[in-house]
């Protein structure tokens, strides 16, 4: 047991927890004012629902004793055997409970990311059922594949330091499935959906940036040099992406925007997440800088493809996570992390192929399972609110309250 590592992991868990309320503000500011509380509520209540799911069965499914490289067993249900002593396999210098709660915060924010795709039009009851099923059927197996002892993707050599495949690609492609199945908002294509409170969104982005240091640096699971490197690369990648995004805006639209700067910063954070424990600061600047450009292009592509991803989850998390996972296969260096692997630019071209396989399988699995879950819910209770409820706004119709009384 190392007291410094223990404090570090507990504080990192607290930082990651703050990301979900930060995401609530980030998303809440981008919707119309009649839907601000409903949007914030979706992220906030996930803190409750998924935290309980994680304690009851999610942690055991994700990190419990391996069954065929596919799933963890139920040996640790209700946290049986998960106590105050270190685990033999995970975070070996901190209490097992500290590792568990750190990972809980990852399980919380991942489904919260998806909510931006169906903002302003999904029933709250259907939403609650969806996130519980999604966490159980999609997130927990993916988490075991990549991070669980014996998981097949980790054994294959796929590198994902803090959640490129597990968190961002899975949520991004699930968001695409959700946007397709739930359908477009009323008036899509003819109505201007203008963010009602950009300062709220900027505040949310700042909290995400702040919390992301726990997300990535904490994934070192020790207060050491690797954590310091992860902290630095996280920051510079986000900074680079914010700059390139507003440059793209300036060229494409004539003027840079604060919303663009916030979106670019988040895109850089997404892209560096899988690579943060394997790349140098200079590589991170390249990864982040390209992420700002690539994700901006991904959002521009949305209008051409015609799906209504309300808050650009696909363009930022799906596209950014994919770029980050592949970039890990390019820039990873054992000089940064001796326990990792070299990427293409450091003499190991096979790593890029391994990363590609992990990305493709994650996309196929998350999209297909999300499609099945949502179709099932739609057949039983329906996914969408009525046209009248959508017109009045979800704050009143779903929660009987309003965000502002002006």
Protein backbone atom coordinates (compact mmCIF):
# COMPACT_ATOMS: atom_id res chain seq x y z
CA UNK A 1 0.00 0.00 0.00
CA UNK A 2 1.32 3.41 -0.99
CA UNK A 3 -0.35 6.41 0.66
CA UNK A 4 0.73 8.82 -2.08
CA UNK A 5 -0.74 6.62 -4.80
CA UNK A 6 -3.92 6.19 -2.77
CA UNK A 7 -4.46 9.92 -2.37
CA UNK A 8 -3.71 10.42 -6.06
CA UNK A 9 -6.26 7.84 -7.22
CA UNK A 10 -8.97 9.09 -4.87
CA UNK A 11 -8.43 12.67 -6.05
CA UNK A 12 -8.39 11.50 -9.67
CA UNK A 13 -11.70 9.73 -9.11
CA UNK A 14 -13.13 12.98 -7.74
CA UNK A 15 -11.87 14.86 -10.82
CA UNK A 16 -13.46 12.33 -13.18
CA UNK A 17 -16.72 12.56 -11.22
CA UNK A 18 -16.74 16.32 -11.84
CA UNK A 19 -16.61 15.67 -15.59
CA UNK A 20 -20.21 14.43 -15.66
CA UNK A 21 -21.73 17.61 -14.17
CA UNK A 22 -19.33 19.47 -16.48
CA UNK A 23 -20.75 17.53 -19.42
CA UNK A 24 -24.27 18.38 -18.22
CA UNK A 25 -23.44 22.10 -18.44
CA UNK A 26 -21.60 21.64 -21.75
CA UNK A 27 -24.63 19.97 -23.29
CA UNK A 28 -27.21 22.07 -21.40
CA UNK A 29 -25.96 25.33 -22.84
CA UNK A 30 -26.17 24.05 -26.41
CA UNK A 31 -29.87 23.12 -26.40
CA UNK A 32 -32.85 25.48 -26.52
CA UNK A 33 -33.89 26.97 -23.20
CA UNK A 34 -37.06 24.84 -23.02
CA UNK A 35 -34.87 21.71 -22.81
CA UNK A 36 -31.99 22.85 -20.60
CA UNK A 37 -33.04 21.07 -17.40
CA UNK A 38 -34.06 17.87 -19.20
CA UNK A 39 -30.62 17.77 -20.85
CA UNK A 40 -28.78 18.45 -17.59
CA UNK A 41 -30.96 15.90 -15.80
CA UNK A 42 -29.90 13.10 -18.15
CA UNK A 43 -26.23 13.46 -17.28
CA UNK A 44 -26.85 14.16 -13.61
CA UNK A 45 -29.12 11.17 -12.94
CA UNK A 46 -26.61 8.86 -14.64
CA UNK A 47 -24.34 9.59 -11.68
CA UNK A 48 -26.94 7.86 -9.54
CA UNK A 49 -28.10 5.04 -11.80
CA UNK A 50 -24.76 3.83 -13.12
CA UNK A 51 -22.95 4.20 -9.79
CA UNK A 52 -25.42 1.74 -8.24
CA UNK A 53 -25.24 -0.56 -11.28
CA UNK A 54 -21.45 -0.54 -11.01
CA UNK A 55 -21.50 -1.59 -7.35
CA UNK A 56 -24.15 -4.28 -7.82
CA UNK A 57 -22.84 -6.03 -10.95
CA UNK A 58 -21.02 -3.68 -13.35
CA UNK A 59 -17.61 -3.76 -11.68
CA UNK A 60 -17.66 -7.53 -11.44
CA UNK A 61 -18.63 -7.91 -15.10
CA UNK A 62 -15.86 -5.50 -16.14
CA UNK A 63 -12.95 -6.50 -13.91
CA UNK A 64 -14.00 -9.74 -12.23
CA UNK A 65 -12.27 -13.10 -12.90
CA UNK A 66 -12.11 -13.68 -16.64
CA UNK A 67 -14.43 -15.97 -18.57
CA UNK A 68 -13.01 -16.74 -22.01
CA UNK A 69 -11.56 -13.27 -22.58
CA UNK A 70 -15.12 -11.98 -23.10
CA UNK A 71 -16.56 -11.03 -19.72
CA UNK A 72 -15.73 -10.88 -16.05
CA UNK A 73 -17.56 -13.28 -13.77
CA UNK A 74 -20.01 -12.31 -11.06
CA UNK A 75 -17.63 -13.25 -8.25
CA UNK A 76 -17.40 -9.59 -7.17
CA UNK A 77 -21.13 -8.76 -7.31
CA UNK A 78 -22.16 -6.35 -4.55
CA UNK A 79 -18.40 -5.72 -4.14
CA UNK A 80 -17.89 -9.09 -2.47
CA UNK A 81 -14.15 -9.42 -1.86
CA UNK A 82 -13.49 -5.82 -2.99
CA UNK A 83 -12.13 -4.20 0.15
CA UNK A 84 -9.58 -1.89 1.66
CA UNK A 85 -6.54 -3.99 0.79
CA UNK A 86 -4.86 -3.75 -2.64
CA UNK A 87 -5.94 -6.03 -5.46
CA UNK A 88 -3.41 -8.50 -6.81
CA UNK A 89 -4.25 -7.41 -10.38
CA UNK A 90 -5.48 -3.81 -10.45
CA UNK A 91 -3.85 -0.78 -8.86
CA UNK A 92 -1.60 -2.95 -6.73
CA UNK A 93 -0.46 -0.09 -4.46
CA UNK A 94 -3.91 1.33 -3.63
CA UNK A 95 -7.00 -0.10 -1.92
CA UNK A 96 -9.11 -2.24 -4.21
CA UNK A 97 -12.05 0.03 -3.38
CA UNK A 98 -10.08 3.05 -4.63
CA UNK A 99 -9.50 1.40 -8.00
CA UNK A 100 -13.16 0.36 -8.14
CA UNK A 101 -14.51 3.87 -7.53
CA UNK A 102 -12.02 5.39 -9.99
CA UNK A 103 -13.31 3.05 -12.69
CA UNK A 104 -16.89 3.75 -11.61
CA UNK A 105 -16.52 7.35 -12.74
CA UNK A 106 -15.50 6.15 -16.22
CA UNK A 107 -18.59 3.94 -16.35
CA UNK A 108 -20.71 6.96 -15.38
CA UNK A 109 -19.54 9.46 -17.97
CA UNK A 110 -19.49 7.10 -20.96
CA UNK A 111 -23.27 6.68 -21.37
CA UNK A 112 -23.69 10.36 -20.45
CA UNK A 113 -21.76 11.24 -23.61
CA UNK A 114 -24.37 9.49 -25.75
CA UNK A 115 -27.19 11.70 -24.46
CA UNK A 116 -26.09 14.58 -26.67
CA UNK A 117 -27.18 12.64 -29.76
CA UNK A 118 -30.84 12.43 -28.78
CA UNK A 119 -31.17 15.69 -26.85
CA UNK A 120 -34.59 17.40 -26.93
CA UNK A 121 -36.68 14.39 -28.00
CA UNK A 122 -36.34 11.20 -25.90
CA UNK A 123 -38.72 10.03 -23.18
CA UNK A 124 -37.14 10.07 -19.74
CA UNK A 125 -38.46 6.60 -18.90
CA UNK A 126 -37.01 5.15 -22.11
CA UNK A 127 -33.74 6.94 -21.41
CA UNK A 128 -33.39 5.36 -17.96
CA UNK A 129 -33.97 1.85 -19.32
CA UNK A 130 -31.56 2.49 -22.19
CA UNK A 131 -28.61 3.63 -20.10
CA UNK A 132 -28.98 0.72 -17.68
CA UNK A 133 -29.09 -1.84 -20.50
CA UNK A 134 -26.31 -0.09 -22.43
CA UNK A 135 -23.96 -0.05 -19.45
CA UNK A 136 -24.60 -3.74 -18.82
CA UNK A 137 -24.55 -5.07 -22.38
CA UNK A 138 -22.10 -2.71 -24.12
CA UNK A 139 -19.83 -0.91 -21.65
CA UNK A 140 -19.06 -3.73 -19.22
CA UNK A 141 -17.93 -6.28 -21.85
CA UNK A 142 -15.88 -3.67 -23.73
CA UNK A 143 -14.23 -2.61 -20.50
CA UNK A 144 -13.28 -6.22 -19.77
CA UNK A 145 -11.97 -6.81 -23.30
CA UNK A 146 -9.53 -3.91 -23.03
CA UNK A 147 -8.67 -3.47 -19.33
CA UNK A 148 -9.78 -6.63 -17.57
CA UNK A 149 -7.16 -9.29 -16.79
CA UNK A 150 -7.58 -11.88 -19.56
CA UNK A 151 -9.64 -9.64 -21.85
CA UNK A 152 -9.04 -10.61 -25.47
CA UNK A 153 -8.39 -7.13 -26.83
CA UNK A 154 -5.78 -6.37 -24.19
CA UNK A 155 -4.11 -9.72 -24.80
CA UNK A 156 -4.05 -8.94 -28.54
CA UNK A 157 -1.90 -5.91 -27.71
CA UNK A 158 -4.41 -3.10 -28.31
CA UNK A 159 -3.31 0.08 -26.54
CA UNK A 160 -5.96 2.19 -24.83
CA UNK A 161 -4.55 4.03 -21.85
CA UNK A 162 -7.64 5.85 -20.63
CA UNK A 163 -10.60 5.04 -22.87
CA UNK A 164 -10.33 5.71 -26.62
CA UNK A 165 -12.20 2.55 -27.55
CA UNK A 166 -13.91 1.82 -24.23
CA UNK A 167 -15.29 5.33 -23.69
CA UNK A 168 -15.20 7.49 -26.81
CA UNK A 169 -15.58 5.19 -29.79
CA UNK A 170 -18.23 3.14 -27.99
CA UNK A 171 -20.25 6.24 -27.07
CA UNK A 172 -19.70 7.89 -30.47
CA UNK A 173 -20.98 5.01 -32.59
CA UNK A 174 -23.78 4.34 -30.10
CA UNK A 175 -24.76 7.98 -30.51
CA UNK A 176 -24.94 7.44 -34.27
CA UNK A 177 -27.23 4.45 -33.80
CA UNK A 178 -29.41 6.47 -31.42
CA UNK A 179 -29.66 9.44 -33.79
CA UNK A 180 -30.70 7.16 -36.64
CA UNK A 181 -33.29 5.16 -34.68
CA UNK A 182 -34.86 8.00 -32.68
CA UNK A 183 -35.00 10.22 -35.74
CA UNK A 184 -34.62 13.92 -36.36
CA UNK A 185 -35.97 16.70 -34.18
CA UNK A 186 -39.18 18.34 -35.29
CA UNK A 187 -38.30 21.04 -37.79
CA UNK A 188 -34.85 19.62 -38.54
CA UNK A 189 -33.52 21.29 -41.68
CA UNK A 190 -35.84 24.28 -41.45
CA UNK A 191 -35.45 25.36 -37.80
CA UNK A 192 -32.30 27.05 -36.46
CA UNK A 193 -31.27 25.23 -33.29
CA UNK A 194 -29.26 28.00 -31.66
CA UNK A 195 -27.43 27.30 -28.35
CA UNK A 196 -29.34 29.22 -25.68
CA UNK A 197 -26.43 29.78 -23.26
CA UNK A 198 -22.91 29.63 -24.65
CA UNK A 199 -21.29 30.80 -21.36
CA UNK A 200 -22.82 27.70 -19.71
CA UNK A 201 -21.27 25.54 -22.42
CA UNK A 202 -17.86 27.19 -21.99
CA UNK A 203 -18.07 26.60 -18.24
CA UNK A 204 -18.88 22.95 -18.87
CA UNK A 205 -15.96 22.63 -21.28
CA UNK A 206 -13.62 24.14 -18.69
CA UNK A 207 -14.80 21.61 -16.09
CA UNK A 208 -14.28 18.81 -18.60
CA UNK A 209 -10.74 20.00 -19.33
CA UNK A 210 -10.04 20.21 -15.59
CA UNK A 211 -11.53 16.80 -14.82
CA UNK A 212 -9.73 15.17 -17.75
CA UNK A 213 -6.46 15.41 -15.85
CA UNK A 214 -7.87 12.85 -13.43
CA UNK A 215 -9.21 10.83 -16.35
CA UNK A 216 -5.85 10.46 -18.10
CA UNK A 217 -3.18 11.07 -15.45
CA UNK A 218 -5.11 8.96 -12.95
CA UNK A 219 -5.03 6.04 -15.37
CA UNK A 220 -1.34 5.63 -14.52
CA UNK A 221 -2.74 4.29 -11.21
CA UNK A 222 0.25 5.71 -9.35
CA UNK A 223 1.69 9.13 -8.53
CA UNK A 224 4.71 8.76 -10.81
CA UNK A 225 6.43 10.06 -13.92
CA UNK A 226 3.96 8.36 -16.25
CA UNK A 227 1.12 10.24 -14.57
CA UNK A 228 3.02 13.51 -15.02
CA UNK A 229 3.55 12.76 -18.71
CA UNK A 230 -0.13 11.90 -19.15
CA UNK A 231 -1.09 15.18 -17.48
CA UNK A 232 1.16 17.23 -19.77
CA UNK A 233 0.17 15.52 -23.03
CA UNK A 234 -3.50 15.85 -22.12
CA UNK A 235 -3.14 19.59 -21.68
CA UNK A 236 -1.09 20.34 -24.79
CA UNK A 237 -3.24 18.15 -27.05
CA UNK A 238 -6.36 20.02 -25.95
CA UNK A 239 -4.63 23.36 -26.40
CA UNK A 240 -3.49 22.44 -29.91
CA UNK A 241 -6.95 21.23 -30.93
CA UNK A 242 -8.66 24.40 -29.67
CA UNK A 243 -6.28 26.45 -31.83
CA UNK A 244 -6.67 24.39 -35.00
CA UNK A 245 -10.47 24.28 -34.63
CA UNK A 246 -10.82 28.07 -34.53
CA UNK A 247 -8.38 28.37 -37.43
CA UNK A 248 -10.57 26.02 -39.44
CA UNK A 249 -13.62 28.09 -38.46
CA UNK A 250 -11.88 31.28 -39.44
CA UNK A 251 -11.06 29.93 -42.89
CA UNK A 252 -14.39 28.19 -43.43
CA UNK A 253 -16.86 30.61 -41.84
CA UNK A 254 -14.92 33.85 -41.63
CA UNK A 255 -14.87 34.19 -37.85
CA UNK A 256 -13.77 31.97 -34.95
CA UNK A 257 -16.33 31.28 -32.22
CA UNK A 258 -16.16 30.57 -28.50
CA UNK A 259 -18.30 27.48 -29.07
CA UNK A 260 -15.73 26.33 -31.62
CA UNK A 261 -12.87 26.86 -29.18
CA UNK A 262 -14.70 24.77 -26.56
CA UNK A 263 -15.53 22.05 -29.07
CA UNK A 264 -11.94 21.96 -30.28
CA UNK A 265 -10.60 21.65 -26.75
CA UNK A 266 -12.89 18.68 -26.08
CA UNK A 267 -11.92 17.09 -29.41
CA UNK A 268 -8.25 17.27 -28.40
CA UNK A 269 -9.01 15.72 -25.02
CA UNK A 270 -10.89 12.88 -26.69
CA UNK A 271 -8.11 12.17 -29.17
CA UNK A 272 -5.29 12.11 -26.63
CA UNK A 273 -7.16 9.84 -24.21
CA UNK A 274 -6.06 6.43 -25.61
CA UNK A 275 -2.53 7.70 -26.28
CA UNK A 276 -1.91 9.67 -23.09
CA UNK A 277 0.19 6.99 -21.41
CA UNK A 278 2.25 6.15 -24.47
CA UNK A 279 3.24 9.35 -26.33
CA UNK A 280 5.52 12.37 -25.83
CA UNK A 281 4.34 15.99 -25.53
CA UNK A 282 5.42 16.79 -29.10
CA UNK A 283 3.50 13.81 -30.45
CA UNK A 284 0.52 14.98 -28.39
CA UNK A 285 0.59 18.40 -30.03
CA UNK A 286 0.42 16.73 -33.44
CA UNK A 287 -2.39 14.39 -32.33
CA UNK A 288 -4.37 17.26 -30.81
CA UNK A 289 -3.75 19.66 -33.67
CA UNK A 290 -4.97 17.15 -36.23
CA UNK A 291 -7.92 16.23 -33.99
CA UNK A 292 -9.19 19.81 -34.15
CA UNK A 293 -9.14 19.67 -37.94
CA UNK A 294 -10.49 16.13 -38.30
CA UNK A 295 -13.36 16.57 -35.84
CA UNK A 296 -14.34 19.88 -37.40
CA UNK A 297 -14.57 18.03 -40.71
CA UNK A 298 -16.55 15.26 -39.05
CA UNK A 299 -19.16 17.74 -37.87
CA UNK A 300 -19.37 19.34 -41.31
CA UNK A 301 -20.02 15.88 -42.76
CA UNK A 302 -23.10 15.46 -40.54
CA UNK A 303 -25.18 17.85 -42.60
CA UNK A 304 -24.31 15.99 -45.78
CA UNK A 305 -25.24 12.61 -44.33
CA UNK A 306 -28.48 13.97 -42.92
CA UNK A 307 -28.66 12.42 -39.44
CA UNK A 308 -29.59 14.60 -36.47
CA UNK A 309 -26.86 14.19 -33.86
CA UNK A 310 -28.07 17.12 -31.77
CA UNK A 311 -24.83 17.99 -29.96
CA UNK A 312 -22.21 16.43 -32.25
CA UNK A 313 -21.33 13.37 -30.21
CA UNK A 314 -20.42 11.41 -33.34
CA UNK A 315 -18.22 14.13 -34.80
CA UNK A 316 -16.27 14.75 -31.60
CA UNK A 317 -16.25 11.48 -29.65
CA UNK A 318 -16.70 8.96 -32.46
CA UNK A 319 -14.36 10.62 -34.95
CA UNK A 320 -11.96 11.97 -32.31
CA UNK A 321 -11.78 8.65 -30.47
CA UNK A 322 -11.09 6.80 -33.71
CA UNK A 323 -8.30 9.20 -34.67
CA UNK A 324 -6.83 8.95 -31.17
CA UNK A 325 -6.84 5.15 -31.17
CA UNK A 326 -5.18 5.01 -34.59
CA UNK A 327 -2.74 7.78 -33.66
CA UNK A 328 -1.68 5.64 -30.69
CA UNK A 329 -0.63 3.03 -33.24
CA UNK A 330 1.49 5.69 -34.93
CA UNK A 331 3.09 7.60 -32.04
CA UNK A 332 3.30 5.14 -29.11
CA UNK A 333 6.81 4.81 -27.73
CA UNK A 334 8.31 2.44 -25.19
CA UNK A 335 10.63 5.28 -24.23
CA UNK A 336 7.58 6.90 -22.64
CA UNK A 337 6.05 3.72 -21.24
CA UNK A 338 8.26 0.60 -21.11
CA UNK A 339 5.17 -1.49 -20.37
CA UNK A 340 3.56 -0.35 -23.63
CA UNK A 341 4.50 -0.98 -27.24
CA UNK A 342 6.09 1.03 -30.02
CA UNK A 343 3.94 2.42 -32.81
CA UNK A 344 4.57 2.69 -36.54
CA UNK A 345 6.83 5.75 -36.26
CA UNK A 346 8.98 3.93 -33.71
CA UNK A 347 9.57 0.77 -35.71
CA UNK A 348 6.44 -1.32 -35.10
CA UNK A 349 4.00 -1.07 -38.04
CA UNK A 350 2.00 -4.02 -36.71
CA UNK A 351 0.70 -1.87 -33.86
CA UNK A 352 -1.31 0.27 -36.26
CA UNK A 353 -3.05 -2.87 -37.57
CA UNK A 354 -3.80 -3.98 -34.01
CA UNK A 355 -5.30 -0.58 -33.26
CA UNK A 356 -7.38 -0.73 -36.42
CA UNK A 357 -8.80 -4.12 -35.46
CA UNK A 358 -9.70 -2.86 -31.99
CA UNK A 359 -11.43 0.18 -33.47
CA UNK A 360 -13.39 -1.83 -36.03
CA UNK A 361 -14.59 -4.43 -33.52
CA UNK A 362 -15.57 -1.77 -31.00
CA UNK A 363 -17.58 0.09 -33.64
CA UNK A 364 -19.37 -3.03 -34.85
CA UNK A 365 -20.16 -4.28 -31.34
CA UNK A 366 -21.31 -0.95 -29.89
CA UNK A 367 -23.40 0.06 -32.90
CA UNK A 368 -25.17 -3.29 -33.28
CA UNK A 369 -25.89 -3.74 -29.58
CA UNK A 370 -27.17 -0.16 -29.24
CA UNK A 371 -29.39 -0.66 -32.27
CA UNK A 372 -30.90 -3.80 -30.76
CA UNK A 373 -31.40 -2.20 -27.32
CA UNK A 374 -33.12 0.89 -28.72
CA UNK A 375 -35.32 -1.08 -31.11
CA UNK A 376 -36.42 -3.29 -28.23
CA UNK A 377 -37.28 -0.33 -26.01
CA UNK A 378 -39.12 1.37 -28.87
CA UNK A 379 -41.30 -1.68 -29.43
CA UNK A 380 -42.20 -1.95 -25.74
CA UNK A 381 -42.70 1.63 -24.47
CA UNK A 382 -41.59 3.92 -27.32
CA UNK A 383 -38.52 6.15 -27.43
CA UNK A 384 -39.78 9.57 -28.47
CA UNK A 385 -41.96 12.10 -26.78
CA UNK A 386 -45.06 13.22 -28.63
CA UNK A 387 -44.86 16.08 -31.14
CA UNK A 388 -46.81 18.27 -28.74
CA UNK A 389 -44.42 17.52 -25.86
CA UNK A 390 -41.43 18.15 -28.09
CA UNK A 391 -42.90 21.49 -29.12
CA UNK A 392 -43.55 22.56 -25.52
CA UNK A 393 -40.11 21.39 -24.39
CA UNK A 394 -38.96 18.52 -22.22
CA UNK A 395 -38.39 20.64 -19.12
CA UNK A 396 -42.13 21.09 -18.64
CA UNK A 397 -43.43 17.87 -20.19
CA UNK A 398 -40.92 15.45 -18.62
CA UNK A 399 -40.08 17.21 -15.34
CA UNK A 400 -42.71 19.91 -14.77
CA UNK A 401 -40.16 22.68 -14.22
CA UNK A 402 -38.37 25.41 -16.13
CA UNK A 403 -34.76 26.44 -16.20
CA UNK A 404 -35.48 30.17 -16.18
CA UNK A 405 -38.23 32.42 -14.88
CA UNK A 406 -37.51 35.72 -16.59
